[in-house]
C-alpha atoms as a PDB file:
ATOM      1  CA  MET A   1     -67.051  90.415 -41.778  1.00  0.00           C
ATOM      2  CA  ALA A   2     -63.814  88.599 -42.584  1.00  0.00           C
ATOM      3  CA  THR A   3     -60.845  88.884 -40.196  1.00  0.00           C
ATOM      4  CA  THR A   4     -57.969  90.704 -41.884  1.00  0.00           C
ATOM      5  CA  ILE A   5     -54.648  88.905 -41.888  1.00  0.00           C
ATOM      6  CA  THR A   6     -50.955  89.663 -42.592  1.00  0.00           C
ATOM      7  CA  ILE A   7     -48.428  86.787 -42.906  1.00  0.00           C
ATOM      8  CA  LEU A   8     -44.829  87.776 -41.961  1.00  0.00           C
ATOM      9  CA  GLY A   9     -42.037  85.945 -43.697  1.00  0.00           C
ATOM     10  CA  ALA A  10     -44.208  84.701 -46.512  1.00  0.00           C
ATOM     11  CA  THR A  11     -41.537  83.052 -48.755  1.00  0.00           C
ATOM     12  CA  GLY A  12     -41.200  79.717 -46.957  1.00  0.00           C
ATOM     13  CA  TYR A  13     -42.967  76.349 -47.019  1.00  0.00           C
ATOM     14  CA  THR A  14     -44.856  77.065 -43.800  1.00  0.00           C
ATOM     15  CA  ALA A  15     -46.190  80.357 -45.195  1.00  0.00           C
ATOM     16  CA  LEU A  16     -47.298  78.640 -48.384  1.00  0.00           C
ATOM     17  CA  GLU A  17     -49.305  76.054 -46.476  1.00  0.00           C
ATOM     18  CA  LEU A  18     -50.771  78.791 -44.334  1.00  0.00           C
ATOM     19  CA  ILE A  19     -51.851  80.774 -47.369  1.00  0.00           C
ATOM     20  CA  LYS A  20     -53.491  77.711 -48.928  1.00  0.00           C
ATOM     21  CA  ILE A  21     -55.447  76.983 -45.774  1.00  0.00           C
ATOM     22  CA  LEU A  22     -56.525  80.635 -45.309  1.00  0.00           C
ATOM     23  CA  LEU A  23     -57.702  80.949 -48.897  1.00  0.00           C
ATOM     24  CA  ARG A  24     -60.385  78.317 -48.193  1.00  0.00           C
ATOM     25  CA  HIS A  25     -61.325  79.863 -44.829  1.00  0.00           C
ATOM     26  CA  PRO A  26     -64.709  81.614 -45.164  1.00  0.00           C
ATOM     27  CA  ASN A  27     -63.879  84.172 -42.455  1.00  0.00           C
ATOM     28  CA  THR A  28     -60.504  85.506 -43.470  1.00  0.00           C
ATOM     29  CA  GLU A  29     -59.007  88.034 -45.884  1.00  0.00           C
ATOM     30  CA  ILE A  30     -55.254  88.057 -46.445  1.00  0.00           C
ATOM     31  CA  THR A  31     -54.379  91.723 -46.737  1.00  0.00           C
ATOM     32  CA  ALA A  32     -50.583  91.644 -46.800  1.00  0.00           C
ATOM     33  CA  LEU A  33     -47.574  89.406 -47.096  1.00  0.00           C
ATOM     34  CA  THR A  34     -44.184  90.511 -45.962  1.00  0.00           C
ATOM     35  CA  SER A  35     -40.541  89.666 -46.726  1.00  0.00           C
ATOM     36  CA  ARG A  36     -37.399  91.437 -45.660  1.00  0.00           C
ATOM     37  CA  GLU A  37     -35.588  90.654 -48.941  1.00  0.00           C
ATOM     38  CA  ASP A  38     -38.199  89.891 -51.679  1.00  0.00           C
ATOM     39  CA  THR A  39     -40.730  92.249 -53.300  1.00  0.00           C
ATOM     40  CA  ARG A  40     -42.053  90.042 -56.101  1.00  0.00           C
ATOM     41  CA  SER A  41     -45.575  88.910 -56.646  1.00  0.00           C
ATOM     42  CA  VAL A  42     -46.477  86.004 -54.406  1.00  0.00           C
ATOM     43  CA  GLU A  43     -47.351  84.070 -57.568  1.00  0.00           C
ATOM     44  CA  LEU A  44     -43.695  84.229 -58.632  1.00  0.00           C
ATOM     45  CA  VAL A  45     -42.418  83.171 -55.184  1.00  0.00           C
ATOM     46  CA  HIS A  46     -45.041  80.376 -54.904  1.00  0.00           C
ATOM     47  CA  PRO A  47     -46.190  79.433 -58.452  1.00  0.00           C
ATOM     48  CA  SER A  48     -48.840  77.078 -57.014  1.00  0.00           C
ATOM     49  CA  LEU A  49     -50.735  80.218 -56.001  1.00  0.00           C
ATOM     50  CA  SER A  50     -51.058  81.521 -59.552  1.00  0.00           C
ATOM     51  CA  GLY A  51     -54.478  83.075 -60.061  1.00  0.00           C
ATOM     52  CA  ARG A  52     -55.419  82.577 -56.393  1.00  0.00           C
ATOM     53  CA  LEU A  53     -53.919  85.559 -54.607  1.00  0.00           C
ATOM     54  CA  ASN A  54     -53.125  88.934 -56.138  1.00  0.00           C
ATOM     55  CA  LEU A  55     -50.584  90.328 -53.629  1.00  0.00           C
ATOM     56  CA  SER A  56     -46.881  91.200 -53.709  1.00  0.00           C
ATOM     57  CA  LEU A  57     -44.455  90.824 -50.903  1.00  0.00           C
ATOM     58  CA  GLU A  58     -43.671  94.016 -48.964  1.00  0.00           C
ATOM     59  CA  ASN A  59     -41.272  95.143 -46.305  1.00  0.00           C
ATOM     60  CA  LEU A  60     -43.741  96.775 -43.903  1.00  0.00           C
ATOM     61  CA  SER A  61     -43.319  98.429 -40.532  1.00  0.00           C
ATOM     62  CA  PRO A  62     -45.289  97.155 -37.475  1.00  0.00           C
ATOM     63  CA  LYS A  63     -47.507 100.230 -37.719  1.00  0.00           C
ATOM     64  CA  GLU A  64     -48.250  99.629 -41.364  1.00  0.00           C
ATOM     65  CA  ILE A  65     -48.994  95.946 -40.655  1.00  0.00           C
ATOM     66  CA  ALA A  66     -51.253  96.716 -37.780  1.00  0.00           C
ATOM     67  CA  ALA A  67     -53.194  99.320 -39.758  1.00  0.00           C
ATOM     68  CA  GLN A  68     -54.471  96.561 -42.072  1.00  0.00           C
ATOM     69  CA  SER A  69     -54.499  93.462 -39.911  1.00  0.00           C
ATOM     70  CA  GLU A  70     -56.526  92.172 -37.044  1.00  0.00           C
ATOM     71  CA  CYS A  71     -54.312  89.053 -36.859  1.00  0.00           C
ATOM     72  CA  VAL A  72     -50.708  88.456 -37.821  1.00  0.00           C
ATOM     73  CA  PHE A  73     -49.121  85.056 -38.429  1.00  0.00           C
ATOM     74  CA  SER A  74     -45.400  85.376 -37.964  1.00  0.00           C
ATOM     75  CA  CYS A  75     -43.381  82.883 -39.999  1.00  0.00           C
ATOM     76  CA  LEU A  76     -40.161  84.835 -39.245  1.00  0.00           C
ATOM     77  CA  PRO A  77     -37.075  83.057 -37.819  1.00  0.00           C
ATOM     78  CA  HIS A  78     -36.406  83.048 -34.091  1.00  0.00           C
ATOM     79  CA  ILE A  79     -35.248  86.372 -32.685  1.00  0.00           C
ATOM     80  CA  ALA A  80     -36.658  88.256 -35.706  1.00  0.00           C
ATOM     81  CA  SER A  81     -40.221  87.500 -34.611  1.00  0.00           C
ATOM     82  CA  ALA A  82     -39.777  88.663 -31.035  1.00  0.00           C
ATOM     83  CA  LYS A  83     -38.312  91.933 -32.228  1.00  0.00           C
ATOM     84  CA  ILE A  84     -41.609  92.845 -33.994  1.00  0.00           C
ATOM     85  CA  VAL A  85     -44.275  91.115 -31.863  1.00  0.00           C
ATOM     86  CA  PRO A  86     -44.292  93.624 -28.926  1.00  0.00           C
ATOM     87  CA  GLU A  87     -45.053  96.528 -31.190  1.00  0.00           C
ATOM     88  CA  LEU A  88     -47.760  94.652 -33.068  1.00  0.00           C
ATOM     89  CA  LEU A  89     -49.403  93.795 -29.733  1.00  0.00           C
ATOM     90  CA  SER A  90     -49.203  97.474 -28.614  1.00  0.00           C
ATOM     91  CA  TYR A  91     -51.369  98.400 -31.646  1.00  0.00           C
ATOM     92  CA  GLY A  92     -54.002  95.866 -30.641  1.00  0.00           C
ATOM     93  CA  THR A  93     -53.165  93.315 -33.349  1.00  0.00           C
ATOM     94  CA  ARG A  94     -53.317  89.653 -32.225  1.00  0.00           C
ATOM     95  CA  VAL A  95     -50.377  87.446 -33.163  1.00  0.00           C
ATOM     96  CA  ILE A  96     -49.794  83.746 -33.755  1.00  0.00           C
ATOM     97  CA  ASP A  97     -46.022  83.208 -33.657  1.00  0.00           C
ATOM     98  CA  LEU A  98     -44.717  80.134 -35.542  1.00  0.00           C
ATOM     99  CA  SER A  99     -41.133  80.770 -34.489  1.00  0.00           C
ATOM    100  CA  ALA A 100     -39.624  79.368 -31.259  1.00  0.00           C
ATOM    101  CA  ASP A 101     -39.495  82.802 -29.638  1.00  0.00           C
ATOM    102  CA  TYR A 102     -42.321  82.412 -27.111  1.00  0.00           C
ATOM    103  CA  ARG A 103     -42.454  78.668 -26.594  1.00  0.00           C
ATOM    104  CA  LEU A 104     -39.931  78.413 -23.693  1.00  0.00           C
ATOM    105  CA  SER A 105     -40.719  79.566 -20.185  1.00  0.00           C
ATOM    106  CA  ALA A 106     -37.584  81.540 -19.321  1.00  0.00           C
ATOM    107  CA  ALA A 107     -34.933  83.672 -20.975  1.00  0.00           C
ATOM    108  CA  ASP A 108     -32.004  81.716 -19.613  1.00  0.00           C
ATOM    109  CA  ILE A 109     -33.381  78.461 -21.155  1.00  0.00           C
ATOM    110  CA  PHE A 110     -33.895  80.230 -24.443  1.00  0.00           C
ATOM    111  CA  GLU A 111     -30.390  81.690 -24.389  1.00  0.00           C
ATOM    112  CA  THR A 112     -28.834  78.282 -23.537  1.00  0.00           C
ATOM    113  CA  TRP A 113     -30.388  76.604 -26.535  1.00  0.00           C
ATOM    114  CA  TYR A 114     -30.453  79.434 -29.053  1.00  0.00           C
ATOM    115  CA  ALA A 115     -27.206  81.184 -28.042  1.00  0.00           C
ATOM    116  CA  GLU A 116     -28.814  84.614 -28.304  1.00  0.00           C
ATOM    117  CA  LYS A 117     -30.326  87.108 -25.912  1.00  0.00           C
ATOM    118  CA  HIS A 118     -34.125  87.179 -26.076  1.00  0.00           C
ATOM    119  CA  PRO A 119     -35.576  90.507 -27.337  1.00  0.00           C
ATOM    120  CA  ASP A 120     -38.779  90.248 -25.231  1.00  0.00           C
ATOM    121  CA  PRO A 121     -37.791  88.241 -22.105  1.00  0.00           C
ATOM    122  CA  ASP A 122     -40.531  89.532 -19.768  1.00  0.00           C
ATOM    123  CA  ARG A 123     -43.184  87.875 -21.874  1.00  0.00           C
ATOM    124  CA  LEU A 124     -41.661  84.388 -21.619  1.00  0.00           C
ATOM    125  CA  GLY A 125     -43.673  81.953 -19.476  1.00  0.00           C
ATOM    126  CA  LYS A 126     -46.868  84.008 -19.929  1.00  0.00           C
ATOM    127  CA  VAL A 127     -47.706  83.082 -23.550  1.00  0.00           C
ATOM    128  CA  PRO A 128     -50.060  80.094 -24.085  1.00  0.00           C
ATOM    129  CA  TYR A 129     -48.471  77.171 -25.811  1.00  0.00           C
ATOM    130  CA  GLY A 130     -50.507  76.589 -28.969  1.00  0.00           C
ATOM    131  CA  LEU A 131     -51.562  72.951 -28.589  1.00  0.00           C
ATOM    132  CA  PRO A 132     -55.348  73.237 -28.382  1.00  0.00           C
ATOM    133  CA  GLU A 133     -55.754  69.705 -27.197  1.00  0.00           C
ATOM    134  CA  LEU A 134     -53.933  70.609 -24.014  1.00  0.00           C
ATOM    135  CA  PHE A 135     -54.257  74.429 -23.638  1.00  0.00           C
ATOM    136  CA  ARG A 136     -57.541  75.382 -25.305  1.00  0.00           C
ATOM    137  CA  ASP A 137     -58.777  77.379 -22.329  1.00  0.00           C
ATOM    138  CA  GLN A 138     -55.736  79.632 -22.379  1.00  0.00           C
ATOM    139  CA  ILE A 139     -55.728  80.076 -26.204  1.00  0.00           C
ATOM    140  CA  VAL A 140     -59.215  81.352 -26.448  1.00  0.00           C
ATOM    141  CA  LYS A 141     -58.408  84.319 -24.169  1.00  0.00           C
ATOM    142  CA  THR A 142     -55.000  85.420 -25.411  1.00  0.00           C
ATOM    143  CA  ASN A 143     -53.688  87.982 -27.921  1.00  0.00           C
ATOM    144  CA  LEU A 144     -50.461  86.024 -28.475  1.00  0.00           C
ATOM    145  CA  VAL A 145     -49.995  82.297 -29.077  1.00  0.00           C
ATOM    146  CA  ALA A 146     -46.687  80.372 -29.263  1.00  0.00           C
ATOM    147  CA  ASN A 147     -47.291  77.843 -32.041  1.00  0.00           C
ATOM    148  CA  PRO A 148     -45.621  74.527 -31.183  1.00  0.00           C
ATOM    149  CA  GLY A 149     -42.707  73.002 -32.991  1.00  0.00           C
ATOM    150  CA  CYS A 150     -43.356  70.060 -35.247  1.00  0.00           C
ATOM    151  CA  TYR A 151     -41.259  67.420 -33.455  1.00  0.00           C
ATOM    152  CA  PRO A 152     -42.742  68.434 -30.029  1.00  0.00           C
ATOM    153  CA  THR A 153     -46.299  68.100 -31.401  1.00  0.00           C
ATOM    154  CA  SER A 154     -45.527  64.594 -32.473  1.00  0.00           C
ATOM    155  CA  ALA A 155     -44.072  63.634 -29.085  1.00  0.00           C
ATOM    156  CA  ILE A 156     -46.138  65.638 -26.561  1.00  0.00           C
ATOM    157  CA  LEU A 157     -49.577  64.471 -27.784  1.00  0.00           C
ATOM    158  CA  PRO A 158     -48.867  60.762 -27.369  1.00  0.00           C
ATOM    159  CA  LEU A 159     -46.997  61.155 -24.043  1.00  0.00           C
ATOM    160  CA  VAL A 160     -49.125  63.565 -21.991  1.00  0.00           C
ATOM    161  CA  PRO A 161     -52.190  61.341 -21.506  1.00  0.00           C
ATOM    162  CA  LEU A 162     -50.053  58.383 -20.358  1.00  0.00           C
ATOM    163  CA  ILE A 163     -48.079  60.563 -17.937  1.00  0.00           C
ATOM    164  CA  LYS A 164     -51.127  62.388 -16.518  1.00  0.00           C
ATOM    165  CA  THR A 165     -52.888  59.110 -15.800  1.00  0.00           C
ATOM    166  CA  GLY A 166     -49.876  57.632 -14.110  1.00  0.00           C
ATOM    167  CA  MET A 167     -49.305  54.856 -16.699  1.00  0.00           C
ATOM    168  CA  ILE A 168     -45.644  55.587 -17.616  1.00  0.00           C
ATOM    169  CA  GLU A 169     -42.572  56.845 -15.914  1.00  0.00           C
ATOM    170  CA  PRO A 170     -41.774  60.452 -16.934  1.00  0.00           C
ATOM    171  CA  GLU A 171     -38.087  59.661 -16.780  1.00  0.00           C
ATOM    172  CA  ASP A 172     -35.963  57.698 -19.244  1.00  0.00           C
ATOM    173  CA  ILE A 173     -38.151  58.558 -22.263  1.00  0.00           C
ATOM    174  CA  ILE A 174     -36.574  58.042 -25.623  1.00  0.00           C
ATOM    175  CA  ILE A 175     -38.013  59.850 -28.662  1.00  0.00           C
ATOM    176  CA  ASP A 176     -36.889  58.678 -32.109  1.00  0.00           C
ATOM    177  CA  SER A 177     -38.301  60.972 -34.783  1.00  0.00           C
ATOM    178  CA  LYS A 178     -38.025  60.924 -38.602  1.00  0.00           C
ATOM    179  CA  SER A 179     -38.848  64.084 -40.615  1.00  0.00           C
ATOM    180  CA  GLY A 180     -39.252  64.946 -44.231  1.00  0.00           C
ATOM    181  CA  ILE A 181     -36.867  67.481 -45.816  1.00  0.00           C
ATOM    182  CA  SER A 182     -39.329  70.397 -45.746  1.00  0.00           C
ATOM    183  CA  GLY A 183     -38.838  70.522 -41.973  1.00  0.00           C
ATOM    184  CA  ALA A 184     -35.446  72.100 -42.672  1.00  0.00           C
ATOM    185  CA  GLY A 185     -37.040  75.040 -44.412  1.00  0.00           C
ATOM    186  CA  ARG A 186     -36.818  76.403 -47.995  1.00  0.00           C
ATOM    187  CA  LYS A 187     -33.456  78.137 -47.786  1.00  0.00           C
ATOM    188  CA  PRO A 188     -30.811  76.028 -49.560  1.00  0.00           C
ATOM    189  CA  LYS A 189     -28.236  74.298 -47.438  1.00  0.00           C
ATOM    190  CA  LEU A 190     -25.792  71.524 -48.124  1.00  0.00           C
ATOM    191  CA  THR A 191     -27.513  68.761 -46.089  1.00  0.00           C
ATOM    192  CA  THR A 192     -30.877  69.275 -47.888  1.00  0.00           C
ATOM    193  CA  LEU A 193     -29.585  69.338 -51.468  1.00  0.00           C
ATOM    194  CA  TYR A 194     -31.010  66.522 -53.509  1.00  0.00           C
ATOM    195  CA  PRO A 195     -27.751  64.568 -53.995  1.00  0.00           C
ATOM    196  CA  GLU A 196     -27.158  64.679 -50.237  1.00  0.00           C
ATOM    197  CA  CYS A 197     -30.525  63.616 -48.882  1.00  0.00           C
ATOM    198  CA  ASN A 198     -31.952  61.409 -51.659  1.00  0.00           C
ATOM    199  CA  GLU A 199     -31.717  57.677 -50.935  1.00  0.00           C
ATOM    200  CA  ASN A 200     -30.266  58.594 -47.561  1.00  0.00           C
ATOM    201  CA  ILE A 201     -31.365  58.780 -43.952  1.00  0.00           C
ATOM    202  CA  SER A 202     -29.308  60.440 -41.273  1.00  0.00           C
ATOM    203  CA  ALA A 203     -29.481  61.406 -37.607  1.00  0.00           C
ATOM    204  CA  TYR A 204     -28.637  64.976 -36.642  1.00  0.00           C
ATOM    205  CA  ASN A 205     -28.267  67.251 -33.618  1.00  0.00           C
ATOM    206  CA  ILE A 206     -28.157  64.367 -31.171  1.00  0.00           C
ATOM    207  CA  GLY A 207     -28.598  65.854 -27.734  1.00  0.00           C
ATOM    208  CA  THR A 208     -28.570  69.403 -29.021  1.00  0.00           C
ATOM    209  CA  HIS A 209     -31.769  69.825 -31.016  1.00  0.00           C
ATOM    210  CA  ARG A 210     -33.641  72.970 -29.990  1.00  0.00           C
ATOM    211  CA  HIS A 211     -36.995  71.220 -29.687  1.00  0.00           C
ATOM    212  CA  THR A 212     -35.700  69.194 -26.763  1.00  0.00           C
ATOM    213  CA  PRO A 213     -36.403  71.844 -24.039  1.00  0.00           C
ATOM    214  CA  GLU A 214     -39.809  72.490 -25.501  1.00  0.00           C
ATOM    215  CA  ILE A 215     -40.727  68.799 -25.128  1.00  0.00           C
ATOM    216  CA  GLU A 216     -39.225  68.613 -21.632  1.00  0.00           C
ATOM    217  CA  GLN A 217     -41.133  71.748 -20.459  1.00  0.00           C
ATOM    218  CA  ILE A 218     -44.552  70.303 -21.364  1.00  0.00           C
ATOM    219  CA  ILE A 219     -43.700  66.806 -20.021  1.00  0.00           C
ATOM    220  CA  THR A 220     -42.427  68.331 -16.807  1.00  0.00           C
ATOM    221  CA  ALA A 221     -45.669  70.294 -16.364  1.00  0.00           C
ATOM    222  CA  ALA A 222     -47.748  67.160 -17.010  1.00  0.00           C
ATOM    223  CA  SER A 223     -45.719  64.980 -14.574  1.00  0.00           C
ATOM    224  CA  GLY A 224     -45.218  67.555 -11.854  1.00  0.00           C
ATOM    225  CA  LYS A 225     -41.461  66.935 -11.649  1.00  0.00           C
ATOM    226  CA  LYS A 226     -38.370  67.958 -13.589  1.00  0.00           C
ATOM    227  CA  THR A 227     -38.146  65.674 -16.613  1.00  0.00           C
ATOM    228  CA  THR A 228     -35.537  65.125 -19.275  1.00  0.00           C
ATOM    229  CA  VAL A 229     -35.891  63.197 -22.529  1.00  0.00           C
ATOM    230  CA  LEU A 230     -33.462  61.655 -25.015  1.00  0.00           C
ATOM    231  CA  PHE A 231     -34.594  63.042 -28.334  1.00  0.00           C
ATOM    232  CA  THR A 232     -32.930  62.055 -31.639  1.00  0.00           C
ATOM    233  CA  PRO A 233     -34.194  63.497 -34.917  1.00  0.00           C
ATOM    234  CA  HIS A 234     -33.574  61.995 -38.333  1.00  0.00           C
ATOM    235  CA  LEU A 235     -33.759  63.460 -41.853  1.00  0.00           C
ATOM    236  CA  THR A 236     -35.552  61.138 -44.283  1.00  0.00           C
ATOM    237  CA  PRO A 237     -35.812  61.359 -48.128  1.00  0.00           C
ATOM    238  CA  MET A 238     -39.418  62.488 -48.352  1.00  0.00           C
ATOM    239  CA  ASP A 239     -41.034  65.901 -48.824  1.00  0.00           C
ATOM    240  CA  ARG A 240     -43.168  66.025 -45.652  1.00  0.00           C
ATOM    241  CA  GLY A 241     -44.228  64.184 -42.545  1.00  0.00           C
ATOM    242  CA  ILE A 242     -42.986  63.143 -39.163  1.00  0.00           C
ATOM    243  CA  LEU A 243     -43.042  59.719 -37.669  1.00  0.00           C
ATOM    244  CA  SER A 244     -42.104  59.534 -33.947  1.00  0.00           C
ATOM    245  CA  THR A 245     -41.489  56.280 -32.086  1.00  0.00           C
ATOM    246  CA  ILE A 246     -41.360  56.838 -28.339  1.00  0.00           C
ATOM    247  CA  TYR A 247     -40.057  54.409 -25.712  1.00  0.00           C
ATOM    248  CA  SER A 248     -41.045  54.586 -22.068  1.00  0.00           C
ATOM    249  CA  LYS A 249     -41.438  52.397 -18.980  1.00  0.00           C
ATOM    250  CA  PRO A 250     -44.811  51.428 -17.473  1.00  0.00           C
ATOM    251  CA  ILE A 251     -45.253  52.259 -13.804  1.00  0.00           C
ATOM    252  CA  GLN A 252     -47.228  49.057 -13.271  1.00  0.00           C
ATOM    253  CA  PRO A 253     -48.206  46.039 -15.418  1.00  0.00           C
ATOM    254  CA  VAL A 254     -50.533  47.168 -18.195  1.00  0.00           C
ATOM    255  CA  THR A 255     -51.803  45.908 -21.540  1.00  0.00           C
ATOM    256  CA  THR A 256     -51.857  47.424 -24.990  1.00  0.00           C
ATOM    257  CA  ASN A 257     -55.668  47.585 -24.937  1.00  0.00           C
ATOM    258  CA  GLU A 258     -55.719  49.365 -21.628  1.00  0.00           C
ATOM    259  CA  LEU A 259     -53.352  52.075 -22.879  1.00  0.00           C
ATOM    260  CA  LEU A 260     -55.270  52.452 -26.132  1.00  0.00           C
ATOM    261  CA  GLU A 261     -58.446  52.999 -24.148  1.00  0.00           C
ATOM    262  CA  ILE A 262     -56.730  55.645 -21.986  1.00  0.00           C
ATOM    263  CA  LEU A 263     -55.678  57.498 -25.139  1.00  0.00           C
ATOM    264  CA  ARG A 264     -59.147  57.236 -26.619  1.00  0.00           C
ATOM    265  CA  ASP A 265     -60.731  58.586 -23.433  1.00  0.00           C
ATOM    266  CA  PHE A 266     -58.247  61.427 -23.245  1.00  0.00           C
ATOM    267  CA  TYR A 267     -58.816  62.581 -26.785  1.00  0.00           C
ATOM    268  CA  ARG A 268     -62.422  61.488 -27.254  1.00  0.00           C
ATOM    269  CA  ASP A 269     -63.698  65.001 -28.026  1.00  0.00           C
ATOM    270  CA  GLU A 270     -60.631  66.165 -30.025  1.00  0.00           C
ATOM    271  CA  PRO A 271     -61.354  66.584 -33.732  1.00  0.00           C
ATOM    272  CA  PHE A 272     -57.802  66.160 -34.978  1.00  0.00           C
ATOM    273  CA  VAL A 273     -56.392  63.348 -32.810  1.00  0.00           C
ATOM    274  CA  LYS A 274     -57.155  59.866 -33.989  1.00  0.00           C
ATOM    275  CA  ILE A 275     -56.225  56.891 -31.849  1.00  0.00           C
ATOM    276  CA  VAL A 276     -55.665  53.965 -34.243  1.00  0.00           C
ATOM    277  CA  GLU A 277     -54.942  50.263 -33.691  1.00  0.00           C
ATOM    278  CA  HIS A 278     -52.782  49.958 -36.775  1.00  0.00           C
ATOM    279  CA  LEU A 279     -49.267  51.363 -36.874  1.00  0.00           C
ATOM    280  CA  PRO A 280     -49.460  54.913 -38.298  1.00  0.00           C
ATOM    281  CA  SER A 281     -47.502  56.153 -41.316  1.00  0.00           C
ATOM    282  CA  THR A 282     -46.831  59.592 -42.626  1.00  0.00           C
ATOM    283  CA  LYS A 283     -48.902  59.031 -45.809  1.00  0.00           C
ATOM    284  CA  ASP A 284     -51.935  58.442 -43.571  1.00  0.00           C
ATOM    285  CA  VAL A 285     -51.815  62.127 -42.496  1.00  0.00           C
ATOM    286  CA  SER A 286     -50.063  63.899 -45.357  1.00  0.00           C
ATOM    287  CA  GLY A 287     -51.816  67.103 -46.289  1.00  0.00           C
ATOM    288  CA  THR A 288     -54.051  67.071 -43.172  1.00  0.00           C
ATOM    289  CA  ASN A 289     -54.176  68.576 -39.656  1.00  0.00           C
ATOM    290  CA  PHE A 290     -54.613  65.122 -38.120  1.00  0.00           C
ATOM    291  CA  VAL A 291     -52.304  63.251 -35.785  1.00  0.00           C
ATOM    292  CA  HIS A 292     -52.567  59.446 -35.704  1.00  0.00           C
ATOM    293  CA  ILE A 293     -51.365  57.746 -32.507  1.00  0.00           C
ATOM    294  CA  THR A 294     -51.086  54.179 -31.382  1.00  0.00           C
ATOM    295  CA  VAL A 295     -49.382  52.279 -28.575  1.00  0.00           C
ATOM    296  CA  ARG A 296     -47.950  48.817 -27.904  1.00  0.00           C
ATOM    297  CA  VAL A 297     -46.694  47.126 -24.733  1.00  0.00           C
ATOM    298  CA  VAL A 298     -43.674  45.013 -25.496  1.00  0.00           C
ATOM    299  CA  GLY A 299     -42.104  43.274 -22.449  1.00  0.00           C
ATOM    300  CA  ASN A 300     -41.408  45.999 -19.870  1.00  0.00           C
ATOM    301  CA  LYS A 301     -41.570  48.846 -22.434  1.00  0.00           C
ATOM    302  CA  VAL A 302     -44.385  51.029 -23.770  1.00  0.00           C
ATOM    303  CA  ILE A 303     -43.879  51.963 -27.415  1.00  0.00           C
ATOM    304  CA  THR A 304     -45.965  54.839 -28.682  1.00  0.00           C
ATOM    305  CA  VAL A 305     -46.046  55.787 -32.387  1.00  0.00           C
ATOM    306  CA  SER A 306     -47.414  58.991 -33.871  1.00  0.00           C
ATOM    307  CA  ALA A 307     -47.582  60.454 -37.358  1.00  0.00           C
ATOM    308  CA  ILE A 308     -48.223  64.026 -38.398  1.00  0.00           C
ATOM    309  CA  ASP A 309     -47.779  66.302 -41.459  1.00  0.00           C
ATOM    310  CA  ASN A 310     -44.939  68.568 -40.230  1.00  0.00           C
ATOM    311  CA  LEU A 311     -46.111  71.532 -42.352  1.00  0.00           C
ATOM    312  CA  ILE A 312     -49.747  71.316 -41.223  1.00  0.00           C
ATOM    313  CA  LYS A 313     -50.416  69.827 -37.809  1.00  0.00           C
ATOM    314  CA  GLY A 314     -46.748  70.595 -37.081  1.00  0.00           C
ATOM    315  CA  ALA A 315     -46.998  74.244 -38.148  1.00  0.00           C
ATOM    316  CA  SER A 316     -49.592  75.955 -40.358  1.00  0.00           C
ATOM    317  CA  GLY A 317     -52.631  73.822 -39.595  1.00  0.00           C
ATOM    318  CA  ALA A 318     -52.093  74.179 -35.857  1.00  0.00           C
ATOM    319  CA  ALA A 319     -51.725  77.904 -36.388  1.00  0.00           C
ATOM    320  CA  VAL A 320     -55.100  78.172 -38.079  1.00  0.00           C
ATOM    321  CA  GLN A 321     -56.591  75.917 -35.338  1.00  0.00           C
ATOM    322  CA  ASN A 322     -55.340  78.425 -32.809  1.00  0.00           C
ATOM    323  CA  PHE A 323     -56.599  81.348 -34.910  1.00  0.00           C
ATOM    324  CA  ASN A 324     -60.081  79.778 -34.977  1.00  0.00           C
ATOM    325  CA  LEU A 325     -60.104  79.537 -31.215  1.00  0.00           C
ATOM    326  CA  MET A 326     -58.803  83.099 -30.676  1.00  0.00           C
ATOM    327  CA  PHE A 327     -61.450  84.581 -32.998  1.00  0.00           C
ATOM    328  CA  ASN A 328     -64.337  82.370 -31.910  1.00  0.00           C
ATOM    329  CA  TYR A 329     -64.707  80.480 -35.244  1.00  0.00           C
ATOM    330  CA  LEU A 330     -65.433  76.730 -35.320  1.00  0.00           C
ATOM    331  CA  GLU A 331     -62.135  75.112 -34.509  1.00  0.00           C
ATOM    332  CA  THR A 332     -62.159  72.848 -37.495  1.00  0.00           C
ATOM    333  CA  THR A 333     -62.879  75.643 -40.062  1.00  0.00           C
ATOM    334  CA  ALA A 334     -60.714  75.250 -43.217  1.00  0.00           C
ATOM    335  CA  LEU A 335     -58.964  72.281 -41.716  1.00  0.00           C
ATOM    336  CA  ILE A 336     -61.457  69.495 -42.474  1.00  0.00           C
END
């Protein structure tokens, strides 16, 4: 029997990608789509779904959602997600949360970066972080997963193997990331209007981007000591994709080939991580759940480069990867 699914906050880009993936999943049935403001047919909200899904958006209570769903994917904004998740869990529904609400380990950290009190603080630090490549054993046993942010996925996956094997210093890491416009969401705002972002590239939220503590939390756990990173995101005039160039210091003399081999060993059995010798680009991974990673040693610096599709491996694809693990389906189902 197919697993029944509701998607919360189904009007955005992330939800659209999620629907497309789940429609080709042989073991799922989408039973409901929710919106707090829109009650149109999903075909009108997302015309690319015309003839593929005969559902309208609804504003449902947690009890109504749980009555028709074994699993909920929450694409709601931060705070809104954590307000509904506890009740869904109380009804026995499993949840994959694509917001930031359960990614951080403590309420005070969340409140510092999001400037709001957390609605479900006691659960923080107990929810598996949804990177299967690092936390698969926790994900398969849980009823709630904190799906990672897109930028953190592009930075954590290249860095953790090199830190865990003692190849690079966990301090003084610089992460320079470029993202397509879809990463800013579907809701119109001045900076993402076509005349503003076309033929333009700009840095934003220097030192204040909310994905920073998420990256630092995982790097700290990998290194065993408190770690800070310098993370600078950029908006680039393309629809989708993230390219991250990461600068770190080697602990001892090392060659490019040695680091490539360490990355290959670490991810040898991972279906979605490809260690490549060429320099990755966003077109290489567009529309896929893959991450491409390479590394170079230049003088006394290690330069790691990764590319992902921010809407898939950075969001919806990772969510389905987590879903497959939680419900004991083949991890690659609907993703390859």
